[in-house]
Protein backbone atom coordinates (compact mmCIF):
# COMPACT_ATOMS: atom_id res chain seq x y z
CA UNK A 1 131.71 90.98 111.61
CA UNK A 2 134.59 92.10 113.52
CA UNK A 3 134.09 93.76 116.59
CA UNK A 4 131.61 96.24 117.25
CA UNK A 5 133.62 99.04 118.18
CA UNK A 6 133.14 102.25 116.14
CA UNK A 7 129.98 101.01 114.49
CA UNK A 8 127.42 101.45 117.10
CA UNK A 9 127.65 105.18 116.71
CA UNK A 10 127.42 105.79 113.11
CA UNK A 11 124.40 106.51 110.76
CA UNK A 12 125.62 104.06 108.24
CA UNK A 13 124.32 101.35 110.20
CA UNK A 14 120.56 102.33 109.62
CA UNK A 15 121.11 102.53 105.72
CA UNK A 16 122.95 98.96 106.29
CA UNK A 17 119.85 97.81 108.20
CA UNK A 18 117.27 99.18 105.34
CA UNK A 19 118.89 97.15 102.50
CA UNK A 20 119.30 94.18 104.74
CA UNK A 21 115.48 94.58 105.61
CA UNK A 22 114.81 94.45 101.94
CA UNK A 23 116.60 91.25 101.40
CA UNK A 24 114.44 89.42 104.09
CA UNK A 25 111.22 91.31 102.28
CA UNK A 26 112.58 89.17 99.26
CA UNK A 27 112.89 86.32 101.29
CA UNK A 28 109.02 86.65 102.15
CA UNK A 29 108.31 87.15 98.77
CA UNK A 30 109.59 84.03 97.52
CA UNK A 31 108.68 81.74 100.26
CA UNK A 32 104.89 82.70 100.24
CA UNK A 33 104.68 82.65 96.45
CA UNK A 34 102.93 79.41 96.37
CA UNK A 35 100.62 79.52 99.46
CA UNK A 36 97.95 81.52 97.53
CA UNK A 37 98.22 79.96 94.42
CA UNK A 38 97.74 76.27 96.20
CA UNK A 39 94.43 75.41 94.45
CA UNK A 40 95.53 76.60 90.92
CA UNK A 41 99.12 74.96 90.89
CA UNK A 42 97.52 71.80 92.43
CA UNK A 43 94.81 71.67 89.92
CA UNK A 44 97.34 72.43 87.09
CA UNK A 45 100.21 69.41 88.36
CA UNK A 46 97.53 67.40 89.60
CA UNK A 47 98.83 67.11 93.17
CA UNK A 48 96.96 66.41 96.37
CA UNK A 49 96.63 68.22 99.69
CA UNK A 50 99.16 65.64 101.34
CA UNK A 51 101.44 66.03 97.98
CA UNK A 52 101.40 69.71 98.26
CA UNK A 53 102.23 69.52 101.93
CA UNK A 54 105.29 67.82 100.94
CA UNK A 55 105.93 70.68 98.32
CA UNK A 56 105.41 73.38 100.75
CA UNK A 57 107.90 71.62 103.40
CA UNK A 58 110.42 70.88 100.97
CA UNK A 59 112.64 74.20 101.50
CA UNK A 60 112.33 73.47 105.43
CA UNK A 61 113.98 70.36 104.91
CA UNK A 62 117.08 71.63 102.79
CA UNK A 63 117.28 74.50 105.46
CA UNK A 64 117.41 72.45 108.63
CA UNK A 65 120.55 70.58 107.01
CA UNK A 66 122.14 74.08 105.37
CA UNK A 67 121.55 76.22 108.39
CA UNK A 68 124.88 75.20 110.34
CA UNK A 69 126.73 75.22 107.25
CA UNK A 70 125.82 78.40 106.36
CA UNK A 71 126.68 80.03 109.49
CA UNK A 72 130.23 78.81 109.38
CA UNK A 73 130.24 80.45 105.74
CA UNK A 74 129.19 83.70 107.07
CA UNK A 75 131.94 83.58 109.54
CA UNK A 76 134.51 82.48 106.95
CA UNK A 77 133.46 84.47 104.14
CA UNK A 78 131.66 87.48 105.59
CA UNK A 79 128.56 88.75 105.82
CA UNK A 80 128.23 90.82 102.16
CA UNK A 81 129.20 87.89 100.16
CA UNK A 82 126.94 85.44 102.48
CA UNK A 83 123.88 87.72 101.67
CA UNK A 84 124.16 88.16 98.47
CA UNK A 85 124.86 84.33 97.87
CA UNK A 86 121.61 83.83 99.74
CA UNK A 87 119.13 86.36 97.89
CA UNK A 88 120.59 84.97 94.61
CA UNK A 89 119.51 81.37 95.57
CA UNK A 90 116.23 82.72 96.68
CA UNK A 91 115.80 84.53 93.22
CA UNK A 92 116.89 81.29 91.52
CA UNK A 93 114.22 79.35 93.46
CA UNK A 94 111.67 81.86 92.36
CA UNK A 95 112.42 81.23 88.84
CA UNK A 96 112.53 77.29 88.90
CA UNK A 97 109.31 77.26 90.81
CA UNK A 98 107.51 79.47 87.41
CA UNK A 99 109.44 76.62 85.32
CA UNK A 100 108.00 73.66 87.07
CA UNK A 101 106.11 71.04 85.01
CA UNK A 102 105.27 68.44 87.78
CA UNK A 103 106.06 67.11 91.35
CA UNK A 104 110.16 66.40 90.83
CA UNK A 105 110.67 69.58 89.25
CA UNK A 106 108.27 71.90 91.57
CA UNK A 107 110.12 70.20 94.73
CA UNK A 108 113.50 71.15 93.42
CA UNK A 109 112.58 74.71 92.84
CA UNK A 110 111.34 74.99 96.46
CA UNK A 111 114.49 73.03 97.88
CA UNK A 112 116.68 75.38 96.45
CA UNK A 113 115.02 78.19 98.95
CA UNK A 114 116.43 76.02 101.30
CA UNK A 115 120.25 76.93 100.50
CA UNK A 116 119.55 80.48 100.19
CA UNK A 117 117.16 81.04 103.17
CA UNK A 118 119.36 80.33 105.91
CA UNK A 119 122.09 82.77 104.42
CA UNK A 120 119.67 85.71 104.62
CA UNK A 121 117.94 84.46 108.00
CA UNK A 122 121.11 83.94 110.02
CA UNK A 123 122.83 86.47 108.34
CA UNK A 124 120.44 89.40 109.23
CA UNK A 125 120.50 88.81 113.34
CA UNK A 126 124.23 88.54 112.94
CA UNK A 127 124.48 91.81 111.55
CA UNK A 128 122.19 93.36 113.85
CA UNK A 129 124.02 92.28 117.13
CA UNK A 130 127.37 93.04 115.30
CA UNK A 131 126.39 96.82 114.37
CA UNK A 132 123.71 97.84 116.97
CA UNK A 133 124.10 98.65 120.67
CA UNK A 134 122.38 96.55 123.25
CA UNK A 135 119.55 99.35 123.76
CA UNK A 136 119.04 99.55 120.11
CA UNK A 137 119.05 95.98 118.99
CA UNK A 138 115.06 95.90 119.93
CA UNK A 139 114.05 97.74 117.64
CA UNK A 140 116.73 96.97 114.87
CA UNK A 141 115.91 93.39 115.37
CA UNK A 142 112.11 93.95 115.16
CA UNK A 143 112.83 95.79 112.11
CA UNK A 144 114.59 93.36 110.49
CA UNK A 145 112.27 90.31 111.33
CA UNK A 146 109.63 92.19 110.30
CA UNK A 147 110.88 92.02 106.39
CA UNK A 148 109.42 88.28 105.84
CA UNK A 149 106.08 89.58 107.26
CA UNK A 150 106.14 92.47 104.83
CA UNK A 151 106.92 90.27 101.93
CA UNK A 152 104.50 87.79 102.37
CA UNK A 153 101.61 90.40 103.08
CA UNK A 154 102.47 91.79 99.48
CA UNK A 155 102.49 88.25 97.97
CA UNK A 156 99.09 87.14 99.79
CA UNK A 157 97.59 90.48 98.98
CA UNK A 158 98.50 90.72 95.25
CA UNK A 159 98.69 87.51 93.81
CA UNK A 160 94.83 86.72 93.56
CA UNK A 161 93.51 90.09 93.33
CA UNK A 162 95.92 91.77 91.07
CA UNK A 163 98.77 89.82 89.33
CA UNK A 164 96.39 86.62 88.50
CA UNK A 165 93.98 88.64 86.43
CA UNK A 166 96.83 90.86 85.05
CA UNK A 167 98.87 87.93 83.69
CA UNK A 168 95.67 85.71 82.28
CA UNK A 169 95.54 83.38 85.30
CA UNK A 170 99.06 82.12 84.72
CA UNK A 171 100.34 81.37 88.04
CA UNK A 172 103.97 80.88 86.73
CA UNK A 173 104.11 84.66 85.80
CA UNK A 174 103.01 85.55 89.24
CA UNK A 175 105.66 83.53 90.87
CA UNK A 176 108.30 84.82 88.62
CA UNK A 177 107.26 88.61 89.23
CA UNK A 178 107.96 87.89 93.14
CA UNK A 179 111.53 86.55 92.03
CA UNK A 180 112.20 89.58 90.21
CA UNK A 181 111.16 91.95 93.11
CA UNK A 182 113.56 89.95 95.25
CA UNK A 183 116.46 90.38 92.72
CA UNK A 184 115.64 94.28 92.65
CA UNK A 185 116.57 94.30 96.65
CA UNK A 186 119.82 92.03 96.08
CA UNK A 187 120.75 94.68 93.59
CA UNK A 188 120.23 97.64 96.17
CA UNK A 189 122.17 95.54 98.84
CA UNK A 190 124.92 95.20 96.64
CA UNK A 191 125.28 98.91 95.56
CA UNK A 192 124.80 100.34 99.41
CA UNK A 193 127.20 97.86 100.32
CA UNK A 194 129.91 98.38 97.74
CA UNK A 195 131.32 101.17 99.20
CA UNK A 196 131.55 101.73 103.02
CA UNK A 197 131.73 105.32 104.03
CA UNK A 198 135.39 106.63 104.90
CA UNK A 199 135.88 106.11 108.74
CA UNK A 200 133.75 103.12 109.07
CA UNK A 201 135.14 99.71 109.57
CA UNK A 202 133.68 97.32 106.69
CA UNK A 203 131.84 94.48 108.43
CA UNK A 204 132.38 92.21 105.44
CA UNK A 205 135.21 90.25 106.48
CA UNK A 206 135.69 87.03 108.58
CA UNK A 207 134.60 86.86 112.21
CA UNK A 208 138.00 87.04 114.17
CA UNK A 209 136.25 87.14 117.75
CA UNK A 210 136.75 84.19 119.85
CA UNK A 211 133.86 81.85 119.14
CA UNK A 212 133.04 78.88 121.30
CA UNK A 213 131.81 75.44 119.88
CA UNK A 214 128.25 74.71 119.00
CA UNK A 215 128.34 71.91 121.60
CA UNK A 216 129.29 74.62 124.43
CA UNK A 217 126.54 76.86 123.14
CA UNK A 218 124.03 73.98 122.92
CA UNK A 219 125.09 73.05 126.56
CA UNK A 220 123.78 76.68 127.91
CA UNK A 221 120.14 76.10 129.61
CA UNK A 222 118.57 79.22 127.92
CA UNK A 223 119.89 78.19 124.48
CA UNK A 224 118.44 74.56 124.71
CA UNK A 225 114.71 75.96 125.90
CA UNK A 226 115.00 78.44 123.06
CA UNK A 227 115.61 75.87 120.74
CA UNK A 228 113.08 73.59 121.53
CA UNK A 229 110.61 76.55 121.73
CA UNK A 230 111.94 77.41 117.67
CA UNK A 231 110.76 74.00 116.77
CA UNK A 232 107.31 74.28 117.91
CA UNK A 233 106.98 78.06 117.08
CA UNK A 234 108.16 77.27 113.35
CA UNK A 235 105.81 74.53 113.23
CA UNK A 236 102.78 76.94 113.61
CA UNK A 237 104.12 79.46 111.94
CA UNK A 238 104.71 77.54 108.51
CA UNK A 239 101.59 75.44 108.89
CA UNK A 240 99.83 78.63 109.01
CA UNK A 241 101.50 80.66 106.54
CA UNK A 242 101.44 77.69 104.02
CA UNK A 243 97.86 76.74 104.79
CA UNK A 244 95.93 79.66 106.13
CA UNK A 245 94.61 80.82 102.35
CA UNK A 246 93.35 77.56 101.63
CA UNK A 247 91.63 77.31 105.30
CA UNK A 248 90.02 80.30 104.76
CA UNK A 249 88.79 79.05 101.09
CA UNK A 250 87.58 75.81 102.94
CA UNK A 251 85.54 78.38 104.97
CA UNK A 252 84.00 80.05 101.71
CA UNK A 253 85.72 82.96 101.20
CA UNK A 254 86.69 83.49 97.42
CA UNK A 255 90.33 83.17 96.26
CA UNK A 256 90.93 86.80 96.09
CA UNK A 257 89.01 87.28 99.82
CA UNK A 258 91.30 84.37 101.45
CA UNK A 259 94.32 86.07 100.04
CA UNK A 260 93.49 89.25 101.25
CA UNK A 261 92.70 88.11 104.94
CA UNK A 262 95.78 85.99 104.72
CA UNK A 263 97.62 89.46 104.06
CA UNK A 264 96.03 91.03 106.77
CA UNK A 265 97.69 88.94 109.23
CA UNK A 266 100.89 91.22 108.63
CA UNK A 267 99.08 94.22 109.54
CA UNK A 268 99.09 93.93 113.53
CA UNK A 269 102.54 92.05 112.83
CA UNK A 270 104.00 94.70 111.58
CA UNK A 271 103.05 96.83 114.81
CA UNK A 272 103.78 94.78 117.33
CA UNK A 273 106.67 92.90 115.78
CA UNK A 274 108.56 96.24 115.79
CA UNK A 275 107.17 97.87 118.65
CA UNK A 276 107.09 95.26 121.31
CA UNK A 277 110.62 93.80 120.99
CA UNK A 278 111.75 97.78 121.39
CA UNK A 279 109.56 98.68 124.17
CA UNK A 280 109.54 95.32 126.35
CA UNK A 281 112.03 95.22 129.15
CA UNK A 282 113.97 92.01 129.91
CA UNK A 283 112.39 91.37 133.49
CA UNK A 284 108.96 90.88 131.42
CA UNK A 285 110.19 89.10 128.49
CA UNK A 286 109.25 85.63 129.88
CA UNK A 287 105.63 86.45 131.00
CA UNK A 288 105.18 88.44 127.76
CA UNK A 289 105.65 85.06 125.80
CA UNK A 290 103.71 82.86 128.20
CA UNK A 291 100.73 84.68 127.42
CA UNK A 292 101.38 85.21 123.82
CA UNK A 293 101.53 81.56 123.47
CA UNK A 294 98.16 80.88 125.51
CA UNK A 295 96.26 83.50 123.47
CA UNK A 296 97.51 82.13 120.43
CA UNK A 297 96.01 78.55 121.53
CA UNK A 298 92.44 80.22 121.68
CA UNK A 299 92.84 82.39 118.49
CA UNK A 300 93.35 79.41 116.40
CA UNK A 301 90.38 77.36 116.92
CA UNK A 302 87.45 79.73 115.14
CA UNK A 303 89.08 79.43 111.88
CA UNK A 304 88.04 75.57 111.95
CA UNK A 305 84.41 76.29 112.69
CA UNK A 306 82.80 79.28 110.16
CA UNK A 307 83.73 82.41 108.81
CA UNK A 308 82.74 85.28 111.03
CA UNK A 309 84.06 88.20 113.69
CA UNK A 310 85.82 85.50 115.84
CA UNK A 311 87.70 84.04 112.93
CA UNK A 312 88.48 87.63 111.98
CA UNK A 313 89.75 88.40 115.43
CA UNK A 314 91.61 85.08 115.50
CA UNK A 315 93.48 86.21 112.25
CA UNK A 316 94.44 89.62 113.60
CA UNK A 317 95.65 87.93 117.06
CA UNK A 318 97.88 85.24 115.25
CA UNK A 319 99.60 87.95 113.01
CA UNK A 320 100.50 89.92 116.39
CA UNK A 321 101.65 86.95 118.44
CA UNK A 322 104.02 85.20 115.54
CA UNK A 323 105.68 88.58 115.10
CA UNK A 324 106.60 89.01 118.46
CA UNK A 325 107.93 85.75 119.29
CA UNK A 326 110.84 85.51 116.98
CA UNK A 327 112.56 88.51 117.82
CA UNK A 328 112.07 88.27 121.69
CA UNK A 329 113.57 84.96 121.28
CA UNK A 330 116.75 86.64 119.33
CA UNK A 331 116.90 89.12 122.05
CA UNK A 332 117.32 86.03 124.56
CA UNK A 333 120.24 85.01 122.79
CA UNK A 334 122.00 88.21 121.88
CA UNK A 335 121.93 89.63 125.42
CA UNK A 336 123.22 86.73 127.25
CA UNK A 337 126.95 87.00 127.71
CA UNK A 338 127.64 83.14 126.67
CA UNK A 339 126.65 84.17 122.92
CA UNK A 340 126.85 87.65 122.31
CA UNK A 341 127.83 89.33 118.89
CA UNK A 342 130.67 86.73 118.43
CA UNK A 343 128.63 83.73 118.69
CA UNK A 344 125.36 85.06 116.74
CA UNK A 345 126.13 83.61 113.56
CA UNK A 346 126.68 80.05 115.17
CA UNK A 347 123.72 80.67 117.84
CA UNK A 348 121.22 81.81 114.95
CA UNK A 349 122.16 78.98 112.73
CA UNK A 350 121.32 76.52 115.71
CA UNK A 351 118.03 78.49 116.08
CA UNK A 352 117.11 78.48 112.64
CA UNK A 353 118.12 74.84 112.04
CA UNK A 354 115.92 73.42 115.10
CA UNK A 355 113.01 76.04 113.97
CA UNK A 356 113.04 74.29 110.32
CA UNK A 357 112.67 71.11 111.95
CA UNK A 358 109.07 72.40 112.85
CA UNK A 359 108.90 74.54 109.78
CA UNK A 360 109.16 71.12 107.77
CA UNK A 361 106.58 69.12 109.81
CA UNK A 362 104.53 71.76 110.28
CA UNK A 363 102.84 72.07 106.45
CA UNK A 364 103.22 68.15 106.31
CA UNK A 365 101.22 67.34 109.80
CA UNK A 366 98.44 70.01 108.61
CA UNK A 367 98.12 68.77 105.13
CA UNK A 368 98.18 65.15 106.23
CA UNK A 369 95.43 65.97 108.89
CA UNK A 370 93.56 68.11 106.38
CA UNK A 371 93.20 65.34 104.10
CA UNK A 372 91.69 63.09 106.37
CA UNK A 373 89.86 65.05 109.21
CA UNK A 374 89.72 68.70 107.75
CA UNK A 375 91.28 71.66 108.98
CA UNK A 376 89.31 71.84 112.13
CA UNK A 377 91.21 69.03 113.43
CA UNK A 378 94.30 70.33 112.18
CA UNK A 379 94.03 73.57 114.34
CA UNK A 380 93.60 71.65 117.29
CA UNK A 381 96.66 70.48 116.94
CA UNK A 382 98.34 73.63 116.45
CA UNK A 383 96.36 74.88 119.72
CA UNK A 384 97.89 72.07 121.54
CA UNK A 385 101.45 73.12 120.00
CA UNK A 386 100.69 76.69 121.29
CA UNK A 387 99.87 75.61 125.05
CA UNK A 388 103.10 73.46 124.91
CA UNK A 389 104.96 76.43 123.92
CA UNK A 390 103.40 78.55 126.93
CA UNK A 391 104.98 75.96 129.64
CA UNK A 392 108.19 75.86 127.84
CA UNK A 393 108.14 80.02 128.26
CA UNK A 394 107.87 79.44 132.15
CA UNK A 395 111.44 77.83 132.06
CA UNK A 396 112.98 80.86 130.52
CA UNK A 397 115.00 82.81 132.87
CA UNK A 398 116.48 86.36 132.22
CA UNK A 399 119.89 86.56 130.27
CA UNK A 400 123.04 86.64 132.18
CA UNK A 401 122.98 90.33 131.38
CA UNK A 402 119.96 90.97 133.62
CA UNK A 403 121.47 88.56 136.27
CA UNK A 404 124.57 90.71 136.47
CA UNK A 405 122.80 93.59 136.99
CA UNK A 406 120.80 92.51 139.69
CA UNK A 407 124.02 90.90 141.45
CA UNK A 408 125.32 94.54 141.09
CA UNK A 409 122.44 96.27 142.45
CA UNK A 410 122.84 93.46 145.71
CA UNK A 411 126.15 94.40 146.20
CA UNK A 412 125.79 98.06 146.04
CA UNK A 413 123.13 97.70 148.57
CA UNK A 414 125.27 95.73 150.84
């Protein structure tokens, strides 16, 4: 995580991005491993929806405490060590989930993910900010943050339709298989990053660039707005990613069909998550986010009524919008000169710390409300949150880079 000079014009950065995407795919595989199996796990371990909401939110609780220390760990020990440790803890979480025999052991297993998750999710955008030019960051960010989408899609698509029959309905073996796949991604990352090609500065050392204190970053108005938006965005995303299969079962779909439709969420997400950040000019990022959150609020409501084409369209719209919000928010941070590559690990750790406050409370809230009033009422809560996000997006302003360019053009015109 040293200076970006000499890195943004070499092909090794794309190979590095590919294996980092693999780590993030492993993140998605393990994080989503319980969602399609909620009914089976609840029956086996005698857990209610509210209790499962606590379980599904356990790693987010650990994550929000660990994210800032993990950012400091990455600065102190380098990206390679941090990312390898992160994927190792994620794999351990998957193995422990498979061996859970009651609520305490399942909570512990899920909580371990909260120690490894921030090392991957903070390290990945930091790597992009360090290795890619401003013009390439949109594409690189879109690709890397699509990793969890790919991982969760694969999990949701295969858990009930393929792996449960293959493993004779033993959910423990299904969960363990996703941990094995995540370990394979970690092995690929270790091999590719073991020897950096000659002539390319290794990125694995300590961050020697000048950094500003966290309090100074939080003092930046744009950063504060992005952090509040992170809380509410993660509230929706984690609530939906953990409860969508069960919502669809509640509408009458079979477990396999519910898993398949939950996986379909990722299809528009992959397309929009990669292309929109790449093609969106900085000047239209704010209205884009406003429109996305308004549409999201409308798209969620049919999922609380009955299964049909409005619900199917709502799923597709949700998948597209959730994959746009995170990379666009990261671009706001990367392009602001008061953040930039030197402070990206700190800014990303703040972002994910704030986000996991919502990530923790989202599944808990939906589980609590669904136990008492059904998923229809819970979806109205998520709709209200999405419209609050639309209002917050209006407060965003262009990055310092954009303001500098405008000022330069005004000076030239004068």
